[in-house]
N, C-alpha and C. Protein backbone atom coordinates (compact mmCIF):
# COMPACT_ATOMS: atom_id res chain seq x y z
N MET A 1 0.86 -1.19 0.00
CA MET A 1 0.00 0.00 0.00
C MET A 1 0.89 1.23 0.00
N ASN A 2 0.87 2.06 -1.09
CA ASN A 2 1.76 3.19 -1.17
C ASN A 2 1.20 4.39 -0.41
N LEU A 3 2.04 5.43 -0.32
CA LEU A 3 1.68 6.61 0.47
C LEU A 3 0.43 7.28 -0.08
N PHE A 4 0.28 7.29 -1.42
CA PHE A 4 -0.89 7.91 -2.01
C PHE A 4 -2.18 7.22 -1.56
N THR A 5 -2.19 5.88 -1.58
CA THR A 5 -3.40 5.15 -1.20
C THR A 5 -3.75 5.42 0.24
N ARG A 6 -2.73 5.47 1.11
CA ARG A 6 -3.00 5.80 2.51
C ARG A 6 -3.61 7.20 2.61
N THR A 7 -3.09 8.08 1.79
CA THR A 7 -3.54 9.46 1.86
C THR A 7 -4.97 9.62 1.40
N LEU A 8 -5.41 8.75 0.52
CA LEU A 8 -6.79 8.83 0.05
C LEU A 8 -7.76 8.86 1.22
N ALA A 9 -7.40 8.12 2.30
CA ALA A 9 -8.32 8.05 3.41
C ALA A 9 -8.61 9.40 3.99
N MET A 10 -7.61 10.27 4.00
CA MET A 10 -7.84 11.58 4.59
C MET A 10 -8.84 12.39 3.82
N ILE A 11 -8.87 12.21 2.48
CA ILE A 11 -9.82 12.98 1.68
C ILE A 11 -11.24 12.62 2.09
N ALA A 12 -11.39 11.40 2.50
CA ALA A 12 -12.73 10.88 2.76
C ALA A 12 -13.48 11.56 3.87
N LEU A 13 -12.80 12.07 4.87
CA LEU A 13 -13.50 12.40 6.09
C LEU A 13 -13.40 13.86 6.47
N MET A 14 -13.20 14.70 5.52
CA MET A 14 -12.98 16.07 5.87
C MET A 14 -14.23 16.91 5.92
N LEU A 15 -15.33 16.34 5.69
CA LEU A 15 -16.53 17.12 5.50
C LEU A 15 -17.63 16.70 6.43
N SER A 16 -18.47 17.63 6.80
CA SER A 16 -19.63 17.28 7.60
C SER A 16 -20.73 18.29 7.40
N ALA A 17 -21.97 17.83 7.62
CA ALA A 17 -23.12 18.72 7.49
C ALA A 17 -23.89 18.78 8.78
N GLY A 18 -23.27 18.46 9.89
CA GLY A 18 -23.98 18.48 11.17
C GLY A 18 -24.16 17.09 11.68
N LEU A 19 -23.84 16.89 12.95
CA LEU A 19 -23.91 15.57 13.55
C LEU A 19 -25.27 15.34 14.15
N ALA A 20 -26.01 14.37 13.61
CA ALA A 20 -27.35 14.05 14.13
C ALA A 20 -27.23 13.11 15.32
N GLN A 21 -28.31 13.00 16.09
CA GLN A 21 -28.35 12.04 17.17
C GLN A 21 -28.25 10.64 16.59
N ALA A 22 -27.39 9.80 17.16
CA ALA A 22 -27.18 8.46 16.62
C ALA A 22 -26.99 7.48 17.75
N GLU A 23 -27.32 6.23 17.49
CA GLU A 23 -27.27 5.21 18.52
C GLU A 23 -25.89 4.61 18.67
N ASN A 24 -25.06 4.63 17.62
CA ASN A 24 -23.74 4.03 17.73
C ASN A 24 -22.72 4.83 16.92
N ALA A 25 -21.44 4.41 17.04
CA ALA A 25 -20.36 5.18 16.43
C ALA A 25 -20.47 5.22 14.92
N SER A 26 -20.86 4.10 14.29
CA SER A 26 -20.95 4.10 12.84
C SER A 26 -22.02 5.06 12.34
N ASP A 27 -23.15 5.16 13.07
CA ASP A 27 -24.19 6.12 12.69
C ASP A 27 -23.68 7.55 12.82
N LYS A 28 -22.92 7.82 13.88
CA LYS A 28 -22.37 9.15 14.06
C LYS A 28 -21.39 9.50 12.94
N LEU A 29 -20.55 8.53 12.59
CA LEU A 29 -19.59 8.78 11.52
C LEU A 29 -20.29 8.99 10.19
N ALA A 30 -21.32 8.18 9.92
CA ALA A 30 -22.09 8.34 8.69
C ALA A 30 -22.74 9.72 8.63
N ALA A 31 -23.24 10.21 9.79
CA ALA A 31 -23.85 11.53 9.81
C ALA A 31 -22.83 12.62 9.49
N LEU A 32 -21.61 12.45 9.97
CA LEU A 32 -20.56 13.43 9.69
C LEU A 32 -20.17 13.46 8.22
N LEU A 33 -20.36 12.34 7.54
CA LEU A 33 -19.94 12.25 6.14
C LEU A 33 -21.05 12.56 5.16
N SER A 34 -22.22 12.90 5.65
CA SER A 34 -23.34 13.19 4.75
C SER A 34 -23.53 14.70 4.61
N GLY A 35 -24.27 15.07 3.57
CA GLY A 35 -24.67 16.47 3.45
C GLY A 35 -23.70 17.37 2.73
N TYR A 36 -22.77 16.82 1.98
CA TYR A 36 -21.85 17.65 1.21
C TYR A 36 -21.69 17.08 -0.19
N ASP A 37 -21.32 17.93 -1.12
CA ASP A 37 -21.03 17.50 -2.48
C ASP A 37 -19.58 17.76 -2.86
N THR A 38 -19.02 18.89 -2.38
CA THR A 38 -17.64 19.24 -2.69
C THR A 38 -16.93 19.72 -1.43
N PHE A 39 -15.60 19.70 -1.50
CA PHE A 39 -14.80 20.10 -0.34
C PHE A 39 -13.42 20.52 -0.81
N SER A 40 -12.81 21.47 -0.09
CA SER A 40 -11.42 21.85 -0.35
C SER A 40 -10.71 22.14 0.96
N ALA A 41 -9.39 21.99 0.96
CA ALA A 41 -8.61 22.24 2.18
C ALA A 41 -7.13 22.27 1.82
N ARG A 42 -6.34 22.74 2.74
CA ARG A 42 -4.89 22.60 2.68
C ARG A 42 -4.51 21.48 3.63
N PHE A 43 -3.39 20.82 3.35
CA PHE A 43 -2.98 19.70 4.19
C PHE A 43 -1.49 19.74 4.49
N GLU A 44 -1.14 19.16 5.63
CA GLU A 44 0.24 18.82 5.98
C GLU A 44 0.24 17.34 6.32
N GLN A 45 1.16 16.61 5.74
CA GLN A 45 1.19 15.17 5.92
C GLN A 45 2.59 14.73 6.33
N PHE A 46 2.65 13.82 7.28
CA PHE A 46 3.95 13.25 7.64
C PHE A 46 3.79 11.78 7.99
N THR A 47 4.87 11.04 7.81
CA THR A 47 4.88 9.61 8.08
C THR A 47 5.94 9.30 9.11
N ASN A 48 5.58 8.49 10.11
CA ASN A 48 6.50 8.02 11.12
C ASN A 48 6.73 6.53 10.93
N ASN A 49 8.00 6.09 11.00
CA ASN A 49 8.25 4.66 10.91
C ASN A 49 7.95 3.99 12.25
N ASN A 50 8.18 2.69 12.36
CA ASN A 50 7.75 1.95 13.55
C ASN A 50 8.54 2.28 14.81
N ASN A 51 9.65 3.04 14.70
CA ASN A 51 10.35 3.48 15.90
C ASN A 51 10.02 4.92 16.28
N GLY A 52 9.02 5.49 15.60
CA GLY A 52 8.54 6.81 15.95
C GLY A 52 9.23 7.96 15.23
N ARG A 53 10.25 7.68 14.44
CA ARG A 53 10.98 8.74 13.75
C ARG A 53 10.23 9.19 12.50
N ARG A 54 10.21 10.50 12.28
CA ARG A 54 9.51 11.05 11.13
C ARG A 54 10.32 10.78 9.87
N ALA A 55 9.68 10.13 8.87
CA ALA A 55 10.40 9.71 7.68
C ALA A 55 10.09 10.57 6.46
N GLN A 56 8.85 11.01 6.30
CA GLN A 56 8.46 11.79 5.13
C GLN A 56 7.56 12.93 5.56
N GLU A 57 7.68 14.06 4.88
CA GLU A 57 6.80 15.20 5.13
C GLU A 57 6.41 15.81 3.79
N SER A 58 5.17 16.28 3.71
CA SER A 58 4.72 16.95 2.50
C SER A 58 3.58 17.89 2.85
N SER A 59 3.27 18.81 1.93
CA SER A 59 2.17 19.74 2.14
C SER A 59 1.61 20.15 0.78
N GLY A 60 0.36 20.61 0.79
CA GLY A 60 -0.26 21.02 -0.45
C GLY A 60 -1.73 21.34 -0.27
N GLU A 61 -2.51 21.09 -1.31
CA GLU A 61 -3.93 21.41 -1.27
C GLU A 61 -4.73 20.31 -1.95
N LEU A 62 -6.00 20.24 -1.62
CA LEU A 62 -6.85 19.20 -2.20
C LEU A 62 -8.26 19.72 -2.40
N GLN A 63 -8.96 19.09 -3.33
CA GLN A 63 -10.38 19.33 -3.57
C GLN A 63 -11.01 17.98 -3.88
N LEU A 64 -12.29 17.84 -3.59
CA LEU A 64 -12.99 16.61 -3.95
C LEU A 64 -14.44 16.90 -4.28
N ALA A 65 -15.02 15.98 -5.03
CA ALA A 65 -16.43 16.04 -5.39
C ALA A 65 -16.96 14.61 -5.40
N LYS A 66 -18.10 14.40 -4.77
CA LYS A 66 -18.70 13.06 -4.79
C LYS A 66 -19.35 12.80 -6.15
N PRO A 67 -19.33 11.53 -6.60
CA PRO A 67 -18.58 10.43 -6.01
C PRO A 67 -17.27 10.20 -6.76
N ASN A 68 -16.23 9.87 -6.04
CA ASN A 68 -14.97 9.37 -6.61
C ASN A 68 -14.15 10.37 -7.39
N LYS A 69 -14.38 11.67 -7.23
CA LYS A 69 -13.58 12.64 -7.95
C LYS A 69 -12.78 13.47 -6.95
N PHE A 70 -11.49 13.63 -7.23
CA PHE A 70 -10.65 14.41 -6.32
C PHE A 70 -9.44 14.97 -7.06
N TYR A 71 -8.87 16.01 -6.46
CA TYR A 71 -7.67 16.66 -6.98
C TYR A 71 -6.74 16.87 -5.79
N TRP A 72 -5.55 16.29 -5.87
CA TRP A 72 -4.61 16.33 -4.76
C TRP A 72 -3.29 16.86 -5.29
N SER A 73 -2.86 18.02 -4.82
CA SER A 73 -1.64 18.65 -5.33
C SER A 73 -0.64 18.82 -4.20
N THR A 74 0.46 18.08 -4.27
CA THR A 74 1.55 18.25 -3.32
C THR A 74 2.50 19.33 -3.84
N LEU A 75 2.76 20.31 -2.99
CA LEU A 75 3.61 21.43 -3.39
C LEU A 75 5.02 21.29 -2.86
N LYS A 76 5.16 20.73 -1.65
CA LYS A 76 6.47 20.55 -1.02
C LYS A 76 6.54 19.13 -0.45
N PRO A 77 7.71 18.49 -0.44
CA PRO A 77 9.01 18.98 -0.94
C PRO A 77 9.18 18.85 -2.45
N PHE A 78 8.37 17.98 -3.09
CA PHE A 78 8.44 17.79 -4.54
C PHE A 78 7.04 17.90 -5.12
N PRO A 79 6.89 18.57 -6.25
CA PRO A 79 5.55 18.72 -6.85
C PRO A 79 5.02 17.38 -7.35
N GLN A 80 3.75 17.16 -7.10
CA GLN A 80 3.06 15.98 -7.63
C GLN A 80 1.57 16.30 -7.69
N THR A 81 0.91 15.87 -8.75
CA THR A 81 -0.53 16.07 -8.90
C THR A 81 -1.20 14.72 -9.07
N ILE A 82 -2.27 14.48 -8.29
CA ILE A 82 -3.03 13.25 -8.38
C ILE A 82 -4.48 13.63 -8.64
N VAL A 83 -5.06 13.09 -9.70
CA VAL A 83 -6.43 13.42 -10.08
C VAL A 83 -7.24 12.14 -10.22
N GLY A 84 -8.39 12.09 -9.55
CA GLY A 84 -9.34 11.01 -9.73
C GLY A 84 -10.52 11.54 -10.53
N ASP A 85 -10.73 11.01 -11.73
CA ASP A 85 -11.79 11.54 -12.60
C ASP A 85 -13.08 10.73 -12.52
N GLY A 86 -13.14 9.76 -11.61
CA GLY A 86 -14.31 8.92 -11.48
C GLY A 86 -14.15 7.58 -12.16
N ASN A 87 -13.21 7.50 -13.11
CA ASN A 87 -12.93 6.25 -13.82
C ASN A 87 -11.49 5.78 -13.62
N HIS A 88 -10.57 6.73 -13.58
CA HIS A 88 -9.15 6.42 -13.41
C HIS A 88 -8.54 7.36 -12.38
N ILE A 89 -7.37 6.98 -11.90
CA ILE A 89 -6.57 7.83 -11.03
C ILE A 89 -5.27 8.14 -11.76
N TRP A 90 -5.00 9.43 -11.94
CA TRP A 90 -3.82 9.88 -12.66
C TRP A 90 -2.80 10.44 -11.66
N VAL A 91 -1.56 10.00 -11.74
CA VAL A 91 -0.49 10.48 -10.88
C VAL A 91 0.58 11.11 -11.77
N TYR A 92 0.75 12.41 -11.63
CA TYR A 92 1.69 13.16 -12.46
C TYR A 92 2.87 13.65 -11.63
N ASP A 93 4.08 13.22 -12.03
CA ASP A 93 5.32 13.64 -11.38
C ASP A 93 6.11 14.51 -12.36
N PRO A 94 6.01 15.84 -12.25
CA PRO A 94 6.70 16.72 -13.21
C PRO A 94 8.21 16.52 -13.25
N ASP A 95 8.83 16.31 -12.09
CA ASP A 95 10.29 16.15 -12.06
C ASP A 95 10.74 14.91 -12.83
N LEU A 96 9.88 13.87 -12.83
CA LEU A 96 10.21 12.63 -13.54
C LEU A 96 9.70 12.64 -14.98
N GLU A 97 8.91 13.67 -15.32
CA GLU A 97 8.26 13.75 -16.63
C GLU A 97 7.50 12.45 -16.90
N GLN A 98 6.68 12.07 -15.91
CA GLN A 98 5.98 10.78 -15.98
C GLN A 98 4.57 10.90 -15.43
N VAL A 99 3.63 10.22 -16.11
CA VAL A 99 2.25 10.11 -15.66
C VAL A 99 1.89 8.63 -15.55
N THR A 100 1.27 8.27 -14.43
CA THR A 100 0.81 6.90 -14.24
C THR A 100 -0.71 6.90 -14.10
N ARG A 101 -1.39 6.07 -14.90
CA ARG A 101 -2.83 5.93 -14.77
C ARG A 101 -3.13 4.63 -14.06
N LYS A 102 -3.86 4.74 -12.92
CA LYS A 102 -4.16 3.59 -12.08
C LYS A 102 -5.65 3.25 -12.19
N PRO A 103 -6.01 2.02 -11.81
CA PRO A 103 -7.44 1.66 -11.81
C PRO A 103 -8.23 2.56 -10.89
N GLY A 104 -9.45 2.88 -11.27
CA GLY A 104 -10.29 3.77 -10.47
C GLY A 104 -11.32 3.05 -9.65
N ASP A 105 -11.30 1.71 -9.63
CA ASP A 105 -12.28 0.94 -8.87
C ASP A 105 -12.04 1.13 -7.38
N THR A 106 -13.07 1.51 -6.63
CA THR A 106 -12.92 1.79 -5.19
C THR A 106 -13.66 0.80 -4.32
N SER A 107 -14.24 -0.25 -4.91
CA SER A 107 -15.13 -1.13 -4.15
C SER A 107 -14.42 -1.90 -3.05
N SER A 108 -13.11 -2.10 -3.15
CA SER A 108 -12.39 -2.87 -2.14
C SER A 108 -11.39 -2.02 -1.38
N ASN A 109 -11.52 -0.69 -1.46
CA ASN A 109 -10.55 0.22 -0.86
C ASN A 109 -11.19 0.99 0.27
N ALA A 110 -10.71 0.78 1.50
CA ALA A 110 -11.32 1.41 2.68
C ALA A 110 -11.30 2.93 2.61
N PRO A 111 -10.17 3.58 2.24
CA PRO A 111 -10.19 5.04 2.13
C PRO A 111 -11.21 5.54 1.14
N ALA A 112 -11.34 4.84 0.01
CA ALA A 112 -12.30 5.28 -0.99
C ALA A 112 -13.72 5.14 -0.50
N MET A 113 -14.01 4.08 0.26
CA MET A 113 -15.35 3.92 0.81
C MET A 113 -15.65 5.02 1.81
N LEU A 114 -14.64 5.45 2.57
CA LEU A 114 -14.81 6.58 3.46
C LEU A 114 -15.10 7.84 2.67
N LEU A 115 -14.38 8.01 1.56
CA LEU A 115 -14.57 9.16 0.69
C LEU A 115 -16.01 9.30 0.25
N ASN A 116 -16.64 8.19 -0.04
CA ASN A 116 -18.01 8.20 -0.54
C ASN A 116 -19.04 7.99 0.55
N GLY A 117 -18.61 7.95 1.82
CA GLY A 117 -19.55 7.79 2.91
C GLY A 117 -20.17 6.41 2.98
N GLN A 118 -19.48 5.39 2.47
CA GLN A 118 -20.02 4.04 2.44
C GLN A 118 -19.73 3.33 3.77
N ILE A 119 -20.29 3.85 4.84
CA ILE A 119 -19.96 3.34 6.16
C ILE A 119 -20.52 1.93 6.37
N SER A 120 -21.71 1.66 5.89
CA SER A 120 -22.29 0.33 6.07
C SER A 120 -21.44 -0.73 5.39
N GLU A 121 -20.91 -0.42 4.19
CA GLU A 121 -20.03 -1.35 3.50
C GLU A 121 -18.71 -1.49 4.24
N LEU A 122 -18.19 -0.36 4.75
CA LEU A 122 -16.92 -0.37 5.46
C LEU A 122 -17.00 -1.21 6.73
N GLU A 123 -18.16 -1.22 7.37
CA GLU A 123 -18.33 -1.98 8.61
C GLU A 123 -18.17 -3.48 8.41
N GLN A 124 -18.27 -3.95 7.20
CA GLN A 124 -18.06 -5.37 6.94
C GLN A 124 -16.61 -5.77 7.20
N ASP A 125 -15.69 -4.80 7.07
CA ASP A 125 -14.26 -5.07 7.25
C ASP A 125 -13.65 -4.41 8.48
N TYR A 126 -14.32 -3.37 9.01
CA TYR A 126 -13.76 -2.63 10.14
C TYR A 126 -14.79 -2.46 11.25
N GLN A 127 -14.32 -2.57 12.49
CA GLN A 127 -15.14 -2.26 13.66
C GLN A 127 -14.94 -0.79 13.99
N ILE A 128 -16.03 -0.02 14.03
CA ILE A 128 -15.96 1.42 14.26
C ILE A 128 -16.34 1.72 15.70
N SER A 129 -15.48 2.44 16.40
CA SER A 129 -15.78 2.83 17.78
C SER A 129 -15.46 4.30 17.97
N SER A 130 -16.03 4.89 19.02
CA SER A 130 -15.80 6.30 19.33
C SER A 130 -15.43 6.42 20.80
N PRO A 131 -14.14 6.19 21.13
CA PRO A 131 -13.73 6.20 22.53
C PRO A 131 -13.77 7.55 23.20
N THR A 132 -13.75 8.64 22.40
CA THR A 132 -13.75 9.98 22.96
C THR A 132 -14.79 10.84 22.27
N ALA A 133 -15.65 11.47 23.06
CA ALA A 133 -16.64 12.40 22.52
C ALA A 133 -16.93 13.43 23.60
N THR A 134 -16.11 14.48 23.64
CA THR A 134 -16.24 15.49 24.69
C THR A 134 -16.35 16.87 24.05
N GLY A 135 -17.34 17.65 24.48
CA GLY A 135 -17.50 19.00 23.97
C GLY A 135 -17.65 19.01 22.47
N ASN A 136 -16.79 19.76 21.80
CA ASN A 136 -16.85 19.88 20.35
C ASN A 136 -15.86 18.96 19.65
N GLU A 137 -15.32 17.95 20.38
CA GLU A 137 -14.32 17.05 19.82
C GLU A 137 -14.86 15.63 19.74
N LEU A 138 -14.53 14.96 18.65
CA LEU A 138 -14.95 13.57 18.44
C LEU A 138 -13.76 12.78 17.90
N LEU A 139 -13.58 11.59 18.46
CA LEU A 139 -12.51 10.70 18.01
C LEU A 139 -13.12 9.37 17.60
N PHE A 140 -12.74 8.87 16.42
CA PHE A 140 -13.21 7.57 15.94
C PHE A 140 -12.02 6.67 15.68
N ASP A 141 -12.15 5.41 16.07
CA ASP A 141 -11.16 4.38 15.76
C ASP A 141 -11.79 3.34 14.86
N LEU A 142 -11.06 2.94 13.82
CA LEU A 142 -11.49 1.86 12.94
C LEU A 142 -10.48 0.73 13.08
N ALA A 143 -10.93 -0.41 13.56
CA ALA A 143 -10.06 -1.57 13.74
C ALA A 143 -10.49 -2.68 12.79
N PRO A 144 -9.55 -3.31 12.10
CA PRO A 144 -9.91 -4.34 11.12
C PRO A 144 -10.50 -5.58 11.78
N ARG A 145 -11.43 -6.21 11.10
CA ARG A 145 -12.02 -7.46 11.57
C ARG A 145 -11.17 -8.66 11.15
N GLU A 146 -10.36 -8.51 10.09
CA GLU A 146 -9.52 -9.59 9.60
C GLU A 146 -8.06 -9.14 9.58
N GLU A 147 -7.15 -10.09 9.72
CA GLU A 147 -5.73 -9.77 9.78
C GLU A 147 -5.17 -9.30 8.44
N ASN A 148 -5.81 -9.65 7.34
CA ASN A 148 -5.28 -9.31 6.03
C ASN A 148 -5.81 -7.98 5.50
N SER A 149 -6.32 -7.13 6.36
CA SER A 149 -6.83 -5.83 5.95
C SER A 149 -5.68 -4.91 5.54
N SER A 150 -6.00 -3.84 4.84
CA SER A 150 -4.98 -2.91 4.36
C SER A 150 -4.33 -2.15 5.51
N PHE A 151 -5.10 -1.82 6.56
CA PHE A 151 -4.59 -1.02 7.66
C PHE A 151 -4.80 -1.75 8.99
N ALA A 152 -3.87 -1.54 9.91
CA ALA A 152 -4.01 -2.08 11.26
C ALA A 152 -4.90 -1.18 12.11
N ARG A 153 -4.97 0.10 11.76
CA ARG A 153 -5.83 1.04 12.49
C ARG A 153 -6.00 2.31 11.67
N ILE A 154 -7.19 2.89 11.76
CA ILE A 154 -7.47 4.21 11.20
C ILE A 154 -8.08 5.04 12.33
N ARG A 155 -7.56 6.23 12.54
CA ARG A 155 -8.07 7.09 13.61
C ARG A 155 -8.44 8.45 13.02
N LEU A 156 -9.63 8.95 13.38
CA LEU A 156 -10.15 10.21 12.85
C LEU A 156 -10.48 11.14 14.01
N PHE A 157 -10.02 12.38 13.91
CA PHE A 157 -10.26 13.36 14.96
C PHE A 157 -11.02 14.55 14.38
N PHE A 158 -12.21 14.81 14.91
CA PHE A 158 -13.07 15.90 14.46
C PHE A 158 -13.12 17.00 15.52
N VAL A 159 -13.12 18.24 15.08
CA VAL A 159 -13.35 19.40 15.96
C VAL A 159 -14.45 20.24 15.31
N ASN A 160 -15.48 20.56 16.08
CA ASN A 160 -16.63 21.31 15.54
C ASN A 160 -17.19 20.63 14.30
N LYS A 161 -17.25 19.30 14.33
CA LYS A 161 -17.85 18.48 13.27
C LYS A 161 -17.06 18.48 11.97
N LEU A 162 -15.81 18.94 12.02
CA LEU A 162 -14.93 18.91 10.85
C LEU A 162 -13.72 18.05 11.17
N LEU A 163 -13.31 17.23 10.23
CA LEU A 163 -12.10 16.45 10.41
C LEU A 163 -10.89 17.38 10.41
N THR A 164 -10.07 17.28 11.44
CA THR A 164 -8.85 18.09 11.52
C THR A 164 -7.59 17.23 11.50
N GLU A 165 -7.74 15.95 11.81
CA GLU A 165 -6.56 15.07 11.82
C GLU A 165 -6.98 13.65 11.48
N LEU A 166 -6.17 13.00 10.66
CA LEU A 166 -6.41 11.62 10.26
C LEU A 166 -5.10 10.85 10.41
N MET A 167 -5.17 9.67 11.03
CA MET A 167 -3.99 8.84 11.19
C MET A 167 -4.29 7.45 10.66
N LEU A 168 -3.38 6.92 9.84
CA LEU A 168 -3.49 5.56 9.31
C LEU A 168 -2.24 4.78 9.70
N GLU A 169 -2.42 3.61 10.25
CA GLU A 169 -1.29 2.77 10.67
C GLU A 169 -1.33 1.45 9.91
N ASP A 170 -0.19 1.08 9.30
CA ASP A 170 -0.15 -0.19 8.59
C ASP A 170 0.31 -1.30 9.52
N HIS A 171 0.41 -2.51 8.99
CA HIS A 171 0.72 -3.66 9.83
C HIS A 171 2.20 -3.75 10.20
N LEU A 172 3.02 -2.86 9.66
CA LEU A 172 4.43 -2.79 10.02
C LEU A 172 4.69 -1.70 11.06
N GLY A 173 3.62 -1.04 11.52
CA GLY A 173 3.77 0.00 12.52
C GLY A 173 4.04 1.38 11.96
N GLN A 174 4.06 1.54 10.65
CA GLN A 174 4.26 2.86 10.06
C GLN A 174 2.96 3.66 10.10
N ARG A 175 3.04 4.90 10.53
CA ARG A 175 1.86 5.76 10.66
C ARG A 175 1.95 6.95 9.73
N THR A 176 0.86 7.22 9.04
CA THR A 176 0.74 8.41 8.21
C THR A 176 -0.31 9.31 8.83
N THR A 177 0.06 10.55 9.12
CA THR A 177 -0.84 11.52 9.75
C THR A 177 -1.06 12.69 8.80
N VAL A 178 -2.31 13.09 8.65
CA VAL A 178 -2.68 14.22 7.80
C VAL A 178 -3.38 15.26 8.65
N LEU A 179 -2.89 16.48 8.63
CA LEU A 179 -3.50 17.61 9.34
C LEU A 179 -4.15 18.53 8.32
N LEU A 180 -5.40 18.91 8.56
CA LEU A 180 -6.15 19.74 7.62
C LEU A 180 -6.36 21.14 8.15
N SER A 181 -6.39 22.11 7.24
CA SER A 181 -6.67 23.51 7.61
C SER A 181 -7.38 24.18 6.44
N GLU A 182 -7.98 25.34 6.71
CA GLU A 182 -8.68 26.14 5.70
C GLU A 182 -9.73 25.31 4.96
N GLN A 183 -10.43 24.46 5.71
CA GLN A 183 -11.47 23.61 5.09
C GLN A 183 -12.64 24.46 4.61
N LYS A 184 -13.15 24.10 3.44
CA LYS A 184 -14.34 24.75 2.89
C LYS A 184 -15.34 23.68 2.49
N ILE A 185 -16.58 23.83 2.98
CA ILE A 185 -17.65 22.89 2.67
C ILE A 185 -18.43 23.38 1.45
N ASN A 186 -18.61 22.49 0.48
CA ASN A 186 -19.38 22.77 -0.74
C ASN A 186 -18.90 24.02 -1.49
N PRO A 187 -17.59 24.18 -1.72
CA PRO A 187 -17.14 25.29 -2.57
C PRO A 187 -17.52 25.01 -4.02
N ALA A 188 -17.61 26.05 -4.81
CA ALA A 188 -17.90 25.90 -6.24
C ALA A 188 -16.63 25.44 -6.96
N LEU A 189 -16.69 24.28 -7.60
CA LEU A 189 -15.55 23.71 -8.31
C LEU A 189 -15.97 23.38 -9.74
N ALA A 190 -15.17 23.79 -10.69
CA ALA A 190 -15.48 23.52 -12.10
C ALA A 190 -15.44 22.02 -12.37
N VAL A 191 -16.32 21.55 -13.23
CA VAL A 191 -16.39 20.13 -13.55
C VAL A 191 -15.07 19.64 -14.15
N ASN A 192 -14.46 20.44 -15.02
CA ASN A 192 -13.22 20.00 -15.67
C ASN A 192 -12.02 20.04 -14.73
N HIS A 193 -12.23 20.49 -13.49
CA HIS A 193 -11.16 20.49 -12.51
C HIS A 193 -10.72 19.07 -12.20
N PHE A 194 -11.61 18.10 -12.39
CA PHE A 194 -11.32 16.71 -12.05
C PHE A 194 -11.06 15.85 -13.30
N SER A 195 -10.65 16.47 -14.37
CA SER A 195 -10.22 15.75 -15.56
C SER A 195 -8.71 15.97 -15.74
N PHE A 196 -8.07 15.04 -16.42
CA PHE A 196 -6.61 15.15 -16.58
C PHE A 196 -6.21 14.70 -17.98
N THR A 197 -5.38 15.49 -18.63
CA THR A 197 -4.78 15.16 -19.92
C THR A 197 -3.27 15.20 -19.76
N PRO A 198 -2.58 14.10 -20.04
CA PRO A 198 -1.12 14.10 -19.88
C PRO A 198 -0.45 15.18 -20.73
N PRO A 199 0.47 15.93 -20.15
CA PRO A 199 1.19 16.95 -20.93
C PRO A 199 1.99 16.32 -22.07
N ASP A 200 2.23 17.07 -23.09
CA ASP A 200 3.04 16.60 -24.21
C ASP A 200 4.46 16.27 -23.74
N GLY A 201 4.99 15.17 -24.26
CA GLY A 201 6.38 14.84 -24.02
C GLY A 201 6.65 14.03 -22.77
N VAL A 202 5.63 13.67 -21.98
CA VAL A 202 5.85 12.88 -20.77
C VAL A 202 5.56 11.41 -21.05
N ASP A 203 6.22 10.54 -20.28
CA ASP A 203 5.96 9.11 -20.38
C ASP A 203 4.63 8.79 -19.67
N VAL A 204 3.80 7.95 -20.29
CA VAL A 204 2.52 7.57 -19.71
C VAL A 204 2.52 6.07 -19.46
N ILE A 205 2.31 5.68 -18.20
CA ILE A 205 2.27 4.27 -17.80
C ILE A 205 0.83 3.93 -17.47
N LEU A 206 0.26 2.94 -18.15
CA LEU A 206 -1.14 2.56 -17.96
C LEU A 206 -1.20 1.30 -17.10
N GLU A 207 -1.18 1.49 -15.77
CA GLU A 207 -1.21 0.34 -14.87
C GLU A 207 -2.53 -0.40 -14.95
N ASP A 208 -3.61 0.30 -15.28
CA ASP A 208 -4.92 -0.35 -15.32
C ASP A 208 -5.09 -1.26 -16.54
N GLU A 209 -4.09 -1.27 -17.43
CA GLU A 209 -4.16 -2.14 -18.60
C GLU A 209 -3.12 -3.26 -18.54
N LEU A 210 -2.35 -3.30 -17.44
CA LEU A 210 -1.32 -4.33 -17.30
C LEU A 210 -1.94 -5.64 -16.85
């Protein structure tokens, strides 16, 4: 599971339209993920290895539109653009002069199911709990039901019904944390913002056809 796939999870949970009364944690999480069509934010992301040392850092901006469309632009330390057009995922690395097109199927991907608010489907693979709910803060833990899941743990932290921090831990103990700021709910985004055409002169790798 590469860093991009882990990062997809953060896109999923940044939006909310008001937390309704709910009987359990999954209902509360589903309520937080409903009521929006588009979202934008700035992000800071870092990865810690299993001994706690920070291994990677990046920052940039993102936008998304339901279902399955997103734009993720890393500005530092190296530029990279990732676009999900609803059918494919395009990864553009300007420094490498390379574009990779990946499969866009999200049916078996936990972050993508979070992106689309598919909590009932996600519950088939993850146990959702909310160990902390005080004042304007909410914490959710997602623990896998099976050992062969993509993640060993997913943790979501909401403040004022908005996701502000997302942590994903793999089975080797590596943790990826995403911090969000300048969140905007339902901003106006052009439809062609989520389309991608490879620039002239770059190598194009079609992983979805391999």
